Amino acid sequence: MARQLKKFARLHTKQHPATKETVINLSNQKLDDAVYSLLQKGLNFAVTPHSTPIEDILTGVEEAVLPLPMEMANRPDKRP
């Protein structure tokens, strides 16, 4: 039983580290808990979209391929 408790404690600390980013409020505005939580996630945090913008991706690819000669546009292994 003690072995399982040690294993659980180790797993819990690995999955939920106690270290958090420090947030220093330099503004005169009061920040609520949601804002502090977001700021603690750091600068690498990004909200993922609910769906992949496939139409935008295809439009971008088509715009990039248009100025290429037909032989280059049809062959994905050739690059200018």
PDB file of N, CA and C in Angstrom:
ATOM      1  N   MET A   1       0.824  -1.202   0.000  1.00  0.00           N
ATOM      2  CA  MET A   1       0.000   0.000   0.000  1.00  0.00           C
ATOM      3  C   MET A   1       0.865   1.262   0.000  1.00  0.00           C
ATOM      4  N   ALA A   2       1.932   1.277   0.794  1.00  0.00           N
ATOM      5  CA  ALA A   2       2.820   2.441   0.864  1.00  0.00           C
ATOM      6  C   ALA A   2       3.495   2.681  -0.482  1.00  0.00           C
ATOM      7  N   ARG A   3       3.827   1.605  -1.180  1.00  0.00           N
ATOM      8  CA  ARG A   3       4.457   1.722  -2.496  1.00  0.00           C
ATOM      9  C   ARG A   3       3.504   2.402  -3.481  1.00  0.00           C
ATOM     10  N   GLN A   4       2.236   2.034  -3.441  1.00  0.00           N
ATOM     11  CA  GLN A   4       1.244   2.638  -4.331  1.00  0.00           C
ATOM     12  C   GLN A   4       1.043   4.115  -4.008  1.00  0.00           C
ATOM     13  N   LEU A   5       1.067   4.466  -2.724  1.00  0.00           N
ATOM     14  CA  LEU A   5       0.910   5.870  -2.345  1.00  0.00           C
ATOM     15  C   LEU A   5       2.098   6.700  -2.832  1.00  0.00           C
ATOM     16  N   LYS A   6       3.308   6.156  -2.723  1.00  0.00           N
ATOM     17  CA  LYS A   6       4.489   6.868  -3.221  1.00  0.00           C
ATOM     18  C   LYS A   6       4.401   7.051  -4.742  1.00  0.00           C
ATOM     19  N   LYS A   7       3.964   5.995  -5.406  1.00  0.00           N
ATOM     20  CA  LYS A   7       3.821   6.057  -6.857  1.00  0.00           C
ATOM     21  C   LYS A   7       2.787   7.103  -7.264  1.00  0.00           C
ATOM     22  N   PHE A   8       1.665   7.131  -6.544  1.00  0.00           N
ATOM     23  CA  PHE A   8       0.629   8.122  -6.840  1.00  0.00           C
ATOM     24  C   PHE A   8       1.134   9.534  -6.573  1.00  0.00           C
ATOM     25  N   ALA A   9       1.829   9.740  -5.473  1.00  0.00           N
ATOM     26  CA  ALA A   9       2.353  11.069  -5.136  1.00  0.00           C
ATOM     27  C   ALA A   9       3.345  11.540  -6.196  1.00  0.00           C
ATOM     28  N   ARG A  10       4.204  10.648  -6.661  1.00  0.00           N
ATOM     29  CA  ARG A  10       5.174  11.008  -7.689  1.00  0.00           C
ATOM     30  C   ARG A  10       4.466  11.358  -9.002  1.00  0.00           C
ATOM     31  N   LEU A  11       3.477  10.564  -9.376  1.00  0.00           N
ATOM     32  CA  LEU A  11       2.716  10.831 -10.593  1.00  0.00           C
ATOM     33  C   LEU A  11       1.953  12.150 -10.489  1.00  0.00           C
ATOM     34  N   HIS A  12       1.369  12.397  -9.323  1.00  0.00           N
ATOM     35  CA  HIS A  12       0.613  13.629  -9.128  1.00  0.00           C
ATOM     36  C   HIS A  12       1.513  14.862  -9.235  1.00  0.00           C
ATOM     37  N   THR A  13       2.687  14.823  -8.631  1.00  0.00           N
ATOM     38  CA  THR A  13       3.591  15.972  -8.722  1.00  0.00           C
ATOM     39  C   THR A  13       4.127  16.148 -10.131  1.00  0.00           C
ATOM     40  N   LYS A  14       4.261  15.045 -10.869  1.00  0.00           N
ATOM     41  CA  LYS A  14       4.723  15.145 -12.255  1.00  0.00           C
ATOM     42  C   LYS A  14       3.653  15.771 -13.149  1.00  0.00           C
ATOM     43  N   GLN A  15       2.399  15.396 -12.937  1.00  0.00           N
ATOM     44  CA  GLN A  15       1.312  15.914 -13.758  1.00  0.00           C
ATOM     45  C   GLN A  15       0.853  17.302 -13.336  1.00  0.00           C
ATOM     46  N   HIS A  16       1.028  17.650 -12.070  1.00  0.00           N
ATOM     47  CA  HIS A  16       0.593  18.943 -11.549  1.00  0.00           C
ATOM     48  C   HIS A  16       1.754  19.622 -10.831  1.00  0.00           C
ATOM     49  N   PRO A  17       2.692  20.180 -11.586  1.00  0.00           N
ATOM     50  CA  PRO A  17       3.841  20.817 -10.926  1.00  0.00           C
ATOM     51  C   PRO A  17       3.405  22.025 -10.104  1.00  0.00           C
ATOM     52  N   ALA A  18       4.081  22.227  -8.994  1.00  0.00           N
ATOM     53  CA  ALA A  18       3.712  23.302  -8.074  1.00  0.00           C
ATOM     54  C   ALA A  18       4.241  24.654  -8.535  1.00  0.00           C
ATOM     55  N   THR A  19       5.257  24.664  -9.393  1.00  0.00           N
ATOM     56  CA  THR A  19       5.824  25.933  -9.833  1.00  0.00           C
ATOM     57  C   THR A  19       4.886  26.596 -10.828  1.00  0.00           C
ATOM     58  N   LYS A  20       4.636  27.860 -10.627  1.00  0.00           N
ATOM     59  CA  LYS A  20       3.791  28.631 -11.531  1.00  0.00           C
ATOM     60  C   LYS A  20       4.537  29.905 -11.897  1.00  0.00           C
ATOM     61  N   GLU A  21       4.188  30.438 -13.037  1.00  0.00           N
ATOM     62  CA  GLU A  21       4.771  31.698 -13.461  1.00  0.00           C
ATOM     63  C   GLU A  21       4.284  32.812 -12.535  1.00  0.00           C
ATOM     64  N   THR A  22       5.171  33.713 -12.221  1.00  0.00           N
ATOM     65  CA  THR A  22       4.812  34.849 -11.387  1.00  0.00           C
ATOM     66  C   THR A  22       4.216  35.939 -12.264  1.00  0.00           C
ATOM     67  N   VAL A  23       3.105  36.477 -11.834  1.00  0.00           N
ATOM     68  CA  VAL A  23       2.451  37.557 -12.561  1.00  0.00           C
ATOM     69  C   VAL A  23       2.584  38.825 -11.733  1.00  0.00           C
ATOM     70  N   ILE A  24       3.193  39.834 -12.331  1.00  0.00           N
ATOM     71  CA  ILE A  24       3.340  41.130 -11.662  1.00  0.00           C
ATOM     72  C   ILE A  24       2.478  42.136 -12.411  1.00  0.00           C
ATOM     73  N   ASN A  25       1.515  42.686 -11.729  1.00  0.00           N
ATOM     74  CA  ASN A  25       0.594  43.639 -12.332  1.00  0.00           C
ATOM     75  C   ASN A  25       1.206  45.034 -12.244  1.00  0.00           C
ATOM     76  N   LEU A  26       1.616  45.578 -13.386  1.00  0.00           N
ATOM     77  CA  LEU A  26       2.210  46.912 -13.430  1.00  0.00           C
ATOM     78  C   LEU A  26       1.193  47.982 -13.808  1.00  0.00           C
ATOM     79  N   SER A  27      -0.031  47.566 -14.063  1.00  0.00           N
ATOM     80  CA  SER A  27      -1.066  48.529 -14.433  1.00  0.00           C
ATOM     81  C   SER A  27      -1.846  48.956 -13.191  1.00  0.00           C
ATOM     82  N   ASN A  28      -2.694  49.941 -13.372  1.00  0.00           N
ATOM     83  CA  ASN A  28      -3.541  50.418 -12.280  1.00  0.00           C
ATOM     84  C   ASN A  28      -4.874  49.676 -12.226  1.00  0.00           C
ATOM     85  N   GLN A  29      -5.069  48.717 -13.143  1.00  0.00           N
ATOM     86  CA  GLN A  29      -6.334  47.987 -13.203  1.00  0.00           C
ATOM     87  C   GLN A  29      -6.268  46.741 -12.335  1.00  0.00           C
ATOM     88  N   LYS A  30      -7.414  46.410 -11.755  1.00  0.00           N
ATOM     89  CA  LYS A  30      -7.512  45.195 -10.955  1.00  0.00           C
ATOM     90  C   LYS A  30      -7.787  44.029 -11.899  1.00  0.00           C
ATOM     91  N   LEU A  31      -6.989  42.974 -11.785  1.00  0.00           N
ATOM     92  CA  LEU A  31      -7.140  41.808 -12.643  1.00  0.00           C
ATOM     93  C   LEU A  31      -7.890  40.711 -11.895  1.00  0.00           C
ATOM     94  N   ASP A  32      -8.834  40.079 -12.583  1.00  0.00           N
ATOM     95  CA  ASP A  32      -9.585  39.002 -11.934  1.00  0.00           C
ATOM     96  C   ASP A  32      -8.827  37.673 -12.050  1.00  0.00           C
ATOM     97  N   ASP A  33      -9.373  36.632 -11.461  1.00  0.00           N
ATOM     98  CA  ASP A  33      -8.703  35.337 -11.402  1.00  0.00           C
ATOM     99  C   ASP A  33      -8.494  34.725 -12.790  1.00  0.00           C
ATOM    100  N   ALA A  34      -9.433  34.935 -13.699  1.00  0.00           N
ATOM    101  CA  ALA A  34      -9.299  34.381 -15.046  1.00  0.00           C
ATOM    102  C   ALA A  34      -8.116  35.002 -15.779  1.00  0.00           C
ATOM    103  N   VAL A  35      -7.918  36.295 -15.609  1.00  0.00           N
ATOM    104  CA  VAL A  35      -6.804  36.979 -16.263  1.00  0.00           C
ATOM    105  C   VAL A  35      -5.484  36.505 -15.669  1.00  0.00           C
ATOM    106  N   TYR A  36      -5.413  36.376 -14.356  1.00  0.00           N
ATOM    107  CA  TYR A  36      -4.206  35.865 -13.717  1.00  0.00           C
ATOM    108  C   TYR A  36      -3.900  34.452 -14.199  1.00  0.00           C
ATOM    109  N   SER A  37      -4.920  33.623 -14.321  1.00  0.00           N
ATOM    110  CA  SER A  37      -4.731  32.256 -14.780  1.00  0.00           C
ATOM    111  C   SER A  37      -4.172  32.240 -16.196  1.00  0.00           C
ATOM    112  N   LEU A  38      -4.692  33.093 -17.051  1.00  0.00           N
ATOM    113  CA  LEU A  38      -4.214  33.181 -18.425  1.00  0.00           C
ATOM    114  C   LEU A  38      -2.776  33.673 -18.466  1.00  0.00           C
ATOM    115  N   LEU A  39      -2.448  34.692 -17.682  1.00  0.00           N
ATOM    116  CA  LEU A  39      -1.094  35.227 -17.672  1.00  0.00           C
ATOM    117  C   LEU A  39      -0.088  34.231 -17.105  1.00  0.00           C
ATOM    118  N   GLN A  40      -0.519  33.372 -16.198  1.00  0.00           N
ATOM    119  CA  GLN A  40       0.375  32.368 -15.628  1.00  0.00           C
ATOM    120  C   GLN A  40       0.766  31.305 -16.644  1.00  0.00           C
ATOM    121  N   LYS A  41      -0.018  31.137 -17.668  1.00  0.00           N
ATOM    122  CA  LYS A  41       0.295  30.144 -18.690  1.00  0.00           C
ATOM    123  C   LYS A  41       1.515  30.553 -19.502  1.00  0.00           C
ATOM    124  N   GLY A  42       1.842  31.822 -19.526  1.00  0.00           N
ATOM    125  CA  GLY A  42       3.046  32.284 -20.199  1.00  0.00           C
ATOM    126  C   GLY A  42       2.800  32.750 -21.620  1.00  0.00           C
ATOM    127  N   LEU A  43       3.892  33.178 -22.250  1.00  0.00           N
ATOM    128  CA  LEU A  43       3.802  33.744 -23.597  1.00  0.00           C
ATOM    129  C   LEU A  43       3.646  32.682 -24.679  1.00  0.00           C
ATOM    130  N   ASN A  44       3.947  31.425 -24.374  1.00  0.00           N
ATOM    131  CA  ASN A  44       3.814  30.371 -25.375  1.00  0.00           C
ATOM    132  C   ASN A  44       2.408  29.801 -25.446  1.00  0.00           C
ATOM    133  N   PHE A  45       1.498  30.300 -24.646  1.00  0.00           N
ATOM    134  CA  PHE A  45       0.127  29.804 -24.646  1.00  0.00           C
ATOM    135  C   PHE A  45      -0.621  30.377 -25.846  1.00  0.00           C
ATOM    136  N   ALA A  46      -1.318  29.513 -26.558  1.00  0.00           N
ATOM    137  CA  ALA A  46      -2.119  29.945 -27.700  1.00  0.00           C
ATOM    138  C   ALA A  46      -3.433  29.183 -27.689  1.00  0.00           C
ATOM    139  N   VAL A  47      -4.502  29.864 -27.958  1.00  0.00           N
ATOM    140  CA  VAL A  47      -5.814  29.236 -28.015  1.00  0.00           C
ATOM    141  C   VAL A  47      -5.929  28.513 -29.351  1.00  0.00           C
ATOM    142  N   THR A  48      -6.318  27.251 -29.319  1.00  0.00           N
ATOM    143  CA  THR A  48      -6.468  26.500 -30.557  1.00  0.00           C
ATOM    144  C   THR A  48      -7.871  26.704 -31.109  1.00  0.00           C
ATOM    145  N   PRO A  49      -7.992  26.790 -32.430  1.00  0.00           N
ATOM    146  CA  PRO A  49      -9.323  26.963 -33.009  1.00  0.00           C
ATOM    147  C   PRO A  49     -10.150  25.692 -32.849  1.00  0.00           C
ATOM    148  N   HIS A  50     -11.469  25.853 -32.838  1.00  0.00           N
ATOM    149  CA  HIS A  50     -12.359  24.706 -32.711  1.00  0.00           C
ATOM    150  C   HIS A  50     -12.334  23.828 -33.961  1.00  0.00           C
ATOM    151  N   SER A  51     -12.103  24.439 -35.104  1.00  0.00           N
ATOM    152  CA  SER A  51     -12.027  23.679 -36.351  1.00  0.00           C
ATOM    153  C   SER A  51     -10.869  24.217 -37.188  1.00  0.00           C
ATOM    154  N   THR A  52     -10.330  23.365 -38.038  1.00  0.00           N
ATOM    155  CA  THR A  52      -9.220  23.762 -38.895  1.00  0.00           C
ATOM    156  C   THR A  52      -9.758  24.582 -40.064  1.00  0.00           C
ATOM    157  N   PRO A  53      -9.174  25.762 -40.306  1.00  0.00           N
ATOM    158  CA  PRO A  53      -9.662  26.616 -41.405  1.00  0.00           C
ATOM    159  C   PRO A  53      -9.165  26.100 -42.765  1.00  0.00           C
ATOM    160  N   ILE A  54      -9.766  25.017 -43.233  1.00  0.00           N
ATOM    161  CA  ILE A  54      -9.317  24.356 -44.459  1.00  0.00           C
ATOM    162  C   ILE A  54      -9.439  25.276 -45.674  1.00  0.00           C
ATOM    163  N   GLU A  55     -10.517  26.033 -45.745  1.00  0.00           N
ATOM    164  CA  GLU A  55     -10.705  26.929 -46.893  1.00  0.00           C
ATOM    165  C   GLU A  55      -9.603  27.976 -46.951  1.00  0.00           C
ATOM    166  N   ASP A  56      -9.211  28.519 -45.807  1.00  0.00           N
ATOM    167  CA  ASP A  56      -8.138  29.515 -45.781  1.00  0.00           C
ATOM    168  C   ASP A  56      -6.806  28.906 -46.209  1.00  0.00           C
ATOM    169  N   ILE A  57      -6.552  27.677 -45.783  1.00  0.00           N
ATOM    170  CA  ILE A  57      -5.301  27.006 -46.145  1.00  0.00           C
ATOM    171  C   ILE A  57      -5.265  26.745 -47.655  1.00  0.00           C
ATOM    172  N   LEU A  58      -6.366  26.227 -48.192  1.00  0.00           N
ATOM    173  CA  LEU A  58      -6.414  25.948 -49.624  1.00  0.00           C
ATOM    174  C   LEU A  58      -6.290  27.221 -50.452  1.00  0.00           C
ATOM    175  N   THR A  59      -6.926  28.284 -50.011  1.00  0.00           N
ATOM    176  CA  THR A  59      -6.829  29.560 -50.724  1.00  0.00           C
ATOM    177  C   THR A  59      -5.391  30.054 -50.735  1.00  0.00           C
ATOM    178  N   GLY A  60      -4.702  29.923 -49.616  1.00  0.00           N
ATOM    179  CA  GLY A  60      -3.306  30.346 -49.547  1.00  0.00           C
ATOM    180  C   GLY A  60      -2.409  29.524 -50.461  1.00  0.00           C
ATOM    181  N   VAL A  61      -2.645  28.223 -50.514  1.00  0.00           N
ATOM    182  CA  VAL A  61      -1.852  27.361 -51.393  1.00  0.00           C
ATOM    183  C   VAL A  61      -2.118  27.710 -52.851  1.00  0.00           C
ATOM    184  N   GLU A  62      -3.379  27.919 -53.204  1.00  0.00           N
ATOM    185  CA  GLU A  62      -3.715  28.268 -54.590  1.00  0.00           C
ATOM    186  C   GLU A  62      -3.076  29.587 -54.987  1.00  0.00           C
ATOM    187  N   GLU A  63      -3.077  30.572 -54.097  1.00  0.00           N
ATOM    188  CA  GLU A  63      -2.449  31.861 -54.401  1.00  0.00           C
ATOM    189  C   GLU A  63      -0.944  31.718 -54.567  1.00  0.00           C
ATOM    190  N   ALA A  64      -0.328  30.809 -53.815  1.00  0.00           N
ATOM    191  CA  ALA A  64       1.112  30.606 -53.929  1.00  0.00           C
ATOM    192  C   ALA A  64       1.485  29.867 -55.207  1.00  0.00           C
ATOM    193  N   VAL A  65       0.586  29.020 -55.701  1.00  0.00           N
ATOM    194  CA  VAL A  65       0.876  28.206 -56.883  1.00  0.00           C
ATOM    195  C   VAL A  65       0.595  28.968 -58.176  1.00  0.00           C
ATOM    196  N   LEU A  66      -0.302  29.928 -58.149  1.00  0.00           N
ATOM    197  CA  LEU A  66      -0.695  30.637 -59.378  1.00  0.00           C
ATOM    198  C   LEU A  66       0.478  31.232 -60.157  1.00  0.00           C
ATOM    199  N   PRO A  67       1.433  31.911 -59.529  1.00  0.00           N
ATOM    200  CA  PRO A  67       2.500  32.508 -60.338  1.00  0.00           C
ATOM    201  C   PRO A  67       3.515  31.494 -60.878  1.00  0.00           C
ATOM    202  N   LEU A  68       3.471  30.248 -60.469  1.00  0.00           N
ATOM    203  CA  LEU A  68       4.424  29.245 -60.933  1.00  0.00           C
ATOM    204  C   LEU A  68       4.075  28.765 -62.332  1.00  0.00           C
ATOM    205  N   PRO A  69       5.083  28.330 -63.088  1.00  0.00           N
ATOM    206  CA  PRO A  69       4.790  27.695 -64.382  1.00  0.00           C
ATOM    207  C   PRO A  69       4.009  26.405 -64.146  1.00  0.00           C
ATOM    208  N   MET A  70       3.238  25.966 -65.113  1.00  0.00           N
ATOM    209  CA  MET A  70       2.355  24.811 -64.956  1.00  0.00           C
ATOM    210  C   MET A  70       3.130  23.557 -64.540  1.00  0.00           C
ATOM    211  N   GLU A  71       4.337  23.356 -65.089  1.00  0.00           N
ATOM    212  CA  GLU A  71       5.113  22.159 -64.752  1.00  0.00           C
ATOM    213  C   GLU A  71       5.500  22.167 -63.270  1.00  0.00           C
ATOM    214  N   MET A  72       5.854  23.329 -62.755  1.00  0.00           N
ATOM    215  CA  MET A  72       6.259  23.444 -61.348  1.00  0.00           C
ATOM    216  C   MET A  72       5.053  23.321 -60.423  1.00  0.00           C
ATOM    217  N   ALA A  73       3.917  23.845 -60.825  1.00  0.00           N
ATOM    218  CA  ALA A  73       2.726  23.820 -59.980  1.00  0.00           C
ATOM    219  C   ALA A  73       2.186  22.408 -59.799  1.00  0.00           C
ATOM    220  N   ASN A  74       2.339  21.563 -60.797  1.00  0.00           N
ATOM    221  CA  ASN A  74       1.808  20.204 -60.729  1.00  0.00           C
ATOM    222  C   ASN A  74       2.748  19.228 -60.038  1.00  0.00           C
ATOM    223  N   ARG A  75       4.001  19.586 -59.808  1.00  0.00           N
ATOM    224  CA  ARG A  75       4.973  18.660 -59.218  1.00  0.00           C
ATOM    225  C   ARG A  75       5.342  19.131 -57.823  1.00  0.00           C
ATOM    226  N   PRO A  76       4.876  18.433 -56.784  1.00  0.00           N
ATOM    227  CA  PRO A  76       5.177  18.854 -55.408  1.00  0.00           C
ATOM    228  C   PRO A  76       6.633  18.652 -55.029  1.00  0.00           C
ATOM    229  N   ASP A  77       7.382  17.794 -55.756  1.00  0.00           N
ATOM    230  CA  ASP A  77       8.778  17.550 -55.402  1.00  0.00           C
ATOM    231  C   ASP A  77       9.733  18.589 -55.986  1.00  0.00           C
ATOM    232  N   LYS A  78       9.287  19.410 -56.904  1.00  0.00           N
ATOM    233  CA  LYS A  78      10.128  20.452 -57.508  1.00  0.00           C
ATOM    234  C   LYS A  78       9.849  21.789 -56.852  1.00  0.00           C
ATOM    235  N   ARG A  79      10.934  22.497 -56.542  1.00  0.00           N
ATOM    236  CA  ARG A  79      10.787  23.837 -55.951  1.00  0.00           C
ATOM    237  C   ARG A  79      11.600  24.810 -56.766  1.00  0.00           C
ATOM    238  N   PRO A  80      11.168  26.063 -56.835  1.00  0.00           N
ATOM    239  CA  PRO A  80      11.930  27.046 -57.616  1.00  0.00           C
ATOM    240  C   PRO A  80      13.237  27.383 -56.954  1.00  0.00           C
TER     241      PRO A  80
END
